[in-house]
Amino acid sequence: MNEWTDTRPTRTPGMSAKDEILARVRSALAVPRRDAVTDAADVPRDYQRADDKQELRTAPEKVRGVLVQRLEDYTATVHRTTAAAAPAVIGDVLGDARTVVVPSGLPSSWLGDVAATLVVDDGTASARELDGIDAVLTGCHTAIALTGTLVLRGDDIGGRRAISLVPDHHVVVVDSSQVVLGVPKAIERMAEDPTAAWTMISGPSATSDIELDRVEGVHGPRRLDVVLIEPEPEPAPEEPAAAPRTTPRPTRTPAGTRTPDRTSDRTQEKSA
């Protein structure tokens, strides 16, 4: 067992507070540890990982269902659609906006049905100018189902952080290939570009004071709409055509031939 002493350095006249603090740090570092040093190999590593069975074996449609449930718990509105119908859905979601700011690399196919005036962000608009814009439309890098978190990268699809924080209405387009189950898989995807600026969004901006009065829109958009693009539904299998019903053709008895009476035969058998 280590010999533990709690001896503190004596403060001498003229010693400053800084010198006293540093002396205490040096004396603490000089004392042997009271517990054994734990090596990295001793740390348990049984927590969830990116290659966890739950991550790999859960059906994609179930993962998307969990994401939708979490987003709706955060009071976000989710619009599930397909790639062909996505432009119409985006246009409907932005129907009441007069101006919309978009990143420079947003797919043009998403903007076909947008009736508002588009403002392509070039990085020069100030926060005051962005505050005068009604909505923002961005893409997404990763969506975490278990936490309901949307991860935006600061590129020409996700846009710089300011445009996703200042406008009052944020519309995010999420592709089904970007949805993962847990945080470890999301971190693995984000590690592809570790120097990028990342923004994580879990529902609309909301805060509450000490009296638990909820206020939305203080630290970001008050409204969050998520357009989830899912795969096209598989066509229903065609049912095999029913075989035509054939009516048995009546047998024709030649003229002069007597048809045996089966009823009389059974009556004779019973009487016998």
Protein backbone atom coordinates (compact mmCIF):
# COMPACT_ATOMS: atom_id res chain seq x y z
CA MET A 1 0.00 0.00 0.00
CA ASN A 2 1.27 3.43 -0.91
CA GLU A 3 2.23 5.82 1.83
CA TRP A 4 -0.26 8.62 1.44
CA THR A 5 0.34 12.00 2.98
CA ASP A 6 -1.77 15.06 2.58
CA THR A 7 1.00 17.46 3.40
CA ARG A 8 0.56 20.83 1.78
CA PRO A 9 3.35 23.30 1.15
CA THR A 10 3.66 25.99 3.76
CA ARG A 11 2.88 29.43 2.50
CA THR A 12 5.74 31.72 3.27
CA PRO A 13 5.53 35.47 3.56
CA GLY A 14 5.68 37.10 0.17
CA MET A 15 4.48 33.99 -1.72
CA SER A 16 1.85 34.85 -4.31
CA ALA A 17 -1.33 32.88 -4.83
CA LYS A 18 0.01 31.64 -8.16
CA ASP A 19 3.19 30.27 -6.56
CA GLU A 20 1.16 28.58 -3.84
CA ILE A 21 -1.12 26.88 -6.39
CA LEU A 22 1.83 25.65 -8.45
CA ALA A 23 3.55 24.36 -5.32
CA ARG A 24 0.46 22.37 -4.39
CA VAL A 25 0.32 20.89 -7.88
CA ARG A 26 3.97 19.84 -7.71
CA SER A 27 3.52 18.23 -4.29
CA ALA A 28 0.40 16.36 -5.48
CA LEU A 29 2.21 15.02 -8.55
CA ALA A 30 5.09 13.82 -6.40
CA VAL A 31 2.85 11.62 -4.22
CA PRO A 32 2.49 8.01 -5.48
CA ARG A 33 -0.96 6.99 -6.71
CA ARG A 34 -3.25 5.28 -4.22
CA ASP A 35 -4.84 3.08 -6.91
CA ALA A 36 -3.31 0.91 -9.57
CA VAL A 37 -2.66 2.40 -12.97
CA THR A 38 -5.18 1.11 -15.54
CA ASP A 39 -3.79 0.15 -18.92
CA ALA A 40 -5.67 0.70 -22.16
CA ALA A 41 -6.12 -3.05 -22.51
CA ASP A 42 -8.05 -3.14 -19.22
CA VAL A 43 -10.75 -0.73 -20.42
CA PRO A 44 -13.93 -2.65 -21.40
CA ARG A 45 -14.81 -2.27 -25.06
CA ASP A 46 -18.20 -3.99 -25.08
CA TYR A 47 -20.17 -0.83 -25.93
CA GLN A 48 -21.93 -0.36 -29.24
CA ARG A 49 -19.69 0.01 -32.28
CA ALA A 50 -20.20 0.95 -35.90
CA ASP A 51 -20.08 -2.73 -36.86
CA ASP A 52 -22.52 -3.80 -34.16
CA LYS A 53 -24.98 -6.54 -35.11
CA GLN A 54 -27.92 -4.26 -34.37
CA GLU A 55 -26.54 -1.70 -36.81
CA LEU A 56 -25.86 -4.21 -39.56
CA ARG A 57 -28.87 -6.52 -39.23
CA THR A 58 -31.72 -4.10 -38.64
CA ALA A 59 -33.86 -3.73 -41.76
CA PRO A 60 -33.44 -0.31 -43.42
CA GLU A 61 -37.16 0.38 -43.37
CA LYS A 62 -37.22 -0.18 -39.60
CA VAL A 63 -34.27 2.18 -39.14
CA ARG A 64 -36.12 4.86 -41.11
CA GLY A 65 -39.20 4.26 -39.00
CA VAL A 66 -37.21 4.90 -35.81
CA LEU A 67 -35.81 8.10 -37.32
CA VAL A 68 -39.28 9.37 -38.19
CA GLN A 69 -40.55 8.60 -34.69
CA ARG A 70 -37.66 10.45 -33.03
CA LEU A 71 -38.01 13.48 -35.29
CA GLU A 72 -41.72 13.71 -34.62
CA ASP A 73 -41.03 13.46 -30.88
CA TYR A 74 -38.94 16.62 -31.35
CA THR A 75 -41.97 18.31 -33.00
CA ALA A 76 -40.34 18.21 -36.43
CA THR A 77 -42.53 17.47 -39.46
CA VAL A 78 -41.45 14.54 -41.63
CA HIS A 79 -42.54 14.12 -45.25
CA ARG A 80 -41.84 10.61 -46.59
CA THR A 81 -41.60 10.54 -50.37
CA THR A 82 -39.67 9.12 -53.32
CA ALA A 83 -37.06 10.70 -55.57
CA ALA A 84 -39.59 11.26 -58.35
CA ALA A 85 -42.08 13.05 -56.07
CA ALA A 86 -39.50 14.91 -53.96
CA PRO A 87 -39.54 18.20 -55.97
CA ALA A 88 -43.31 18.52 -55.57
CA VAL A 89 -43.09 17.80 -51.83
CA ILE A 90 -40.31 20.36 -51.38
CA GLY A 91 -42.37 22.92 -53.28
CA ASP A 92 -45.39 22.29 -51.05
CA VAL A 93 -43.33 22.55 -47.85
CA LEU A 94 -41.86 25.90 -48.98
CA GLY A 95 -45.17 27.12 -50.35
CA ASP A 96 -45.60 30.01 -47.89
CA ALA A 97 -42.02 31.29 -48.19
CA ARG A 98 -41.23 34.29 -50.36
CA THR A 99 -37.42 33.92 -50.27
CA VAL A 100 -35.34 30.78 -49.72
CA VAL A 101 -31.57 30.60 -49.24
CA VAL A 102 -29.84 27.50 -50.60
CA PRO A 103 -26.22 26.23 -50.72
CA SER A 104 -24.41 26.55 -54.02
CA GLY A 105 -24.26 22.81 -54.76
CA LEU A 106 -27.84 21.84 -54.07
CA PRO A 107 -29.25 19.52 -56.77
CA SER A 108 -31.26 21.52 -59.28
CA SER A 109 -33.89 18.76 -59.45
CA TRP A 110 -34.96 19.62 -55.90
CA LEU A 111 -35.76 23.20 -56.91
CA GLY A 112 -38.03 22.55 -59.87
CA ASP A 113 -41.31 23.21 -58.02
CA VAL A 114 -40.11 25.93 -55.64
CA ALA A 115 -42.09 29.10 -56.32
CA ALA A 116 -40.14 31.33 -53.91
CA THR A 117 -37.21 33.53 -54.88
CA LEU A 118 -33.98 31.53 -54.48
CA VAL A 119 -30.93 33.13 -52.92
CA VAL A 120 -27.76 31.11 -53.55
CA ASP A 121 -25.48 31.60 -50.57
CA ASP A 122 -21.97 32.75 -51.48
CA GLY A 123 -20.80 33.29 -47.91
CA THR A 124 -21.13 37.06 -47.93
CA ALA A 125 -24.64 37.49 -46.48
CA SER A 126 -24.58 38.79 -42.92
CA ALA A 127 -26.73 37.50 -40.08
CA ARG A 128 -29.01 40.53 -40.45
CA GLU A 129 -29.50 39.80 -44.14
CA LEU A 130 -30.17 36.12 -43.48
CA ASP A 131 -32.72 37.10 -40.84
CA GLY A 132 -34.77 38.74 -43.59
CA ILE A 133 -35.01 35.46 -45.54
CA ASP A 134 -38.04 33.29 -44.88
CA ALA A 135 -36.57 29.78 -45.16
CA VAL A 136 -33.48 27.73 -45.90
CA LEU A 137 -33.24 24.50 -47.90
CA THR A 138 -30.25 22.21 -47.35
CA GLY A 139 -29.15 18.66 -47.87
CA CYS A 140 -27.89 16.28 -45.21
CA HIS A 141 -24.78 14.19 -44.64
CA THR A 142 -25.99 11.68 -42.02
CA ALA A 143 -29.20 11.08 -40.08
CA ILE A 144 -28.98 9.19 -36.76
CA ALA A 145 -32.16 7.23 -36.11
CA LEU A 146 -31.79 6.45 -32.40
CA THR A 147 -31.18 10.09 -31.45
CA GLY A 148 -33.20 11.78 -34.20
CA THR A 149 -30.17 13.87 -35.13
CA LEU A 150 -29.45 15.39 -38.55
CA VAL A 151 -25.76 15.91 -39.28
CA LEU A 152 -24.91 18.67 -41.77
CA ARG A 153 -21.45 19.15 -43.20
CA GLY A 154 -20.28 22.66 -44.03
CA ASP A 155 -20.04 22.10 -47.78
CA ASP A 156 -22.00 23.03 -50.89
CA ILE A 157 -24.84 20.65 -49.90
CA GLY A 158 -25.24 21.31 -46.18
CA GLY A 159 -24.21 24.95 -46.40
CA ARG A 160 -22.39 27.03 -43.85
CA ARG A 161 -23.69 26.98 -40.31
CA ALA A 162 -25.14 30.48 -40.40
CA ILE A 163 -27.77 29.72 -43.04
CA SER A 164 -29.08 26.75 -41.03
CA LEU A 165 -29.36 28.79 -37.82
CA VAL A 166 -30.68 32.24 -38.74
CA PRO A 167 -33.74 31.74 -41.00
CA ASP A 168 -36.92 30.83 -39.14
CA HIS A 169 -37.83 27.80 -41.29
CA HIS A 170 -35.38 25.01 -42.14
CA VAL A 171 -36.13 22.29 -44.70
CA VAL A 172 -33.67 19.38 -44.78
CA VAL A 173 -33.67 16.74 -47.52
CA VAL A 174 -32.48 13.33 -46.29
CA ASP A 175 -31.78 10.41 -48.59
CA SER A 176 -32.43 6.91 -47.33
CA SER A 177 -28.76 5.98 -47.89
CA GLN A 178 -27.74 8.61 -45.33
CA VAL A 179 -29.77 7.11 -42.46
CA VAL A 180 -27.84 5.09 -39.86
CA LEU A 181 -29.05 3.51 -36.66
CA GLY A 182 -26.61 4.71 -34.00
CA VAL A 183 -24.00 7.34 -33.21
CA PRO A 184 -20.92 5.08 -33.76
CA LYS A 185 -21.84 4.55 -37.41
CA ALA A 186 -22.43 8.29 -37.82
CA ILE A 187 -19.01 9.08 -36.33
CA GLU A 188 -17.46 6.58 -38.74
CA ARG A 189 -19.07 8.42 -41.66
CA MET A 190 -18.00 11.80 -40.31
CA ALA A 191 -14.42 10.56 -39.90
CA GLU A 192 -14.11 10.56 -43.69
CA ASP A 193 -13.65 14.34 -43.41
CA PRO A 194 -12.46 15.03 -39.84
CA THR A 195 -11.53 18.67 -40.55
CA ALA A 196 -15.00 19.66 -41.81
CA ALA A 197 -17.36 21.91 -39.89
CA TRP A 198 -20.24 19.79 -38.63
CA THR A 199 -23.66 20.91 -37.43
CA MET A 200 -25.90 18.50 -35.51
CA ILE A 201 -29.61 19.25 -35.39
CA SER A 202 -32.11 17.44 -33.17
CA GLY A 203 -35.47 19.03 -33.86
CA PRO A 204 -36.38 22.72 -34.00
CA SER A 205 -34.64 25.19 -31.72
CA ALA A 206 -36.22 25.09 -28.25
CA THR A 207 -35.31 26.25 -24.78
CA SER A 208 -37.05 26.74 -21.45
CA ASP A 209 -36.52 28.92 -18.42
CA ILE A 210 -36.52 27.95 -14.76
CA GLU A 211 -40.31 27.76 -14.82
CA LEU A 212 -40.14 25.24 -17.71
CA ASP A 213 -41.87 27.54 -20.16
CA ARG A 214 -40.87 26.25 -23.59
CA VAL A 215 -39.80 28.84 -26.15
CA GLU A 216 -38.98 27.87 -29.72
CA GLY A 217 -36.82 29.70 -32.21
CA VAL A 218 -34.35 31.33 -29.79
CA HIS A 219 -31.18 29.56 -30.91
CA GLY A 220 -32.19 28.52 -34.41
CA PRO A 221 -35.14 27.85 -36.74
CA ARG A 222 -38.57 27.65 -35.14
CA ARG A 223 -39.83 25.19 -37.78
CA LEU A 224 -38.03 22.08 -39.03
CA ASP A 225 -39.34 20.06 -41.99
CA VAL A 226 -37.56 16.88 -43.06
CA VAL A 227 -38.13 15.48 -46.55
CA LEU A 228 -37.14 11.80 -46.37
CA ILE A 229 -36.49 10.31 -49.81
CA GLU A 230 -37.12 6.57 -49.66
CA PRO A 231 -36.66 3.89 -52.33
CA GLU A 232 -39.37 3.38 -54.88
CA PRO A 233 -41.85 0.75 -53.65
CA GLU A 234 -41.46 -2.61 -55.28
CA PRO A 235 -44.30 -3.49 -57.65
CA ALA A 236 -46.79 -5.95 -56.30
CA PRO A 237 -46.38 -9.44 -57.75
CA GLU A 238 -48.87 -10.25 -60.46
CA GLU A 239 -51.40 -12.89 -59.54
CA PRO A 240 -51.50 -15.86 -61.92
CA ALA A 241 -54.45 -15.77 -64.26
CA ALA A 242 -57.24 -18.09 -63.21
CA ALA A 243 -57.76 -21.08 -65.47
CA PRO A 244 -60.96 -20.79 -67.53
CA ARG A 245 -63.80 -22.87 -66.21
CA THR A 246 -64.96 -25.51 -68.65
CA THR A 247 -68.49 -26.87 -68.62
CA PRO A 248 -68.56 -30.64 -69.12
CA ARG A 249 -70.12 -31.52 -72.41
CA PRO A 250 -73.23 -33.75 -72.09
CA THR A 251 -72.82 -37.29 -73.38
CA ARG A 252 -75.15 -38.24 -76.15
CA THR A 253 -76.84 -41.67 -75.87
CA PRO A 254 -77.34 -43.46 -79.16
CA ALA A 255 -80.93 -43.95 -80.19
CA GLY A 256 -82.49 -47.20 -79.01
CA THR A 257 -80.07 -47.63 -76.10
CA ARG A 258 -81.51 -47.79 -72.60
CA THR A 259 -79.73 -46.02 -69.79
CA PRO A 260 -79.40 -48.31 -66.75
CA ASP A 261 -81.54 -47.27 -63.80
CA ARG A 262 -79.12 -46.96 -60.85
CA THR A 263 -81.94 -46.16 -58.41
CA SER A 264 -83.71 -49.47 -59.01
CA ASP A 265 -80.45 -51.36 -58.58
CA ARG A 266 -79.84 -49.79 -55.09
CA THR A 267 -83.48 -50.57 -54.12
CA GLN A 268 -83.03 -54.22 -55.03
CA GLU A 269 -79.80 -54.44 -53.00
CA LYS A 270 -81.55 -53.10 -49.86
CA SER A 271 -84.51 -55.51 -50.23
CA ALA A 272 -82.16 -58.45 -50.59
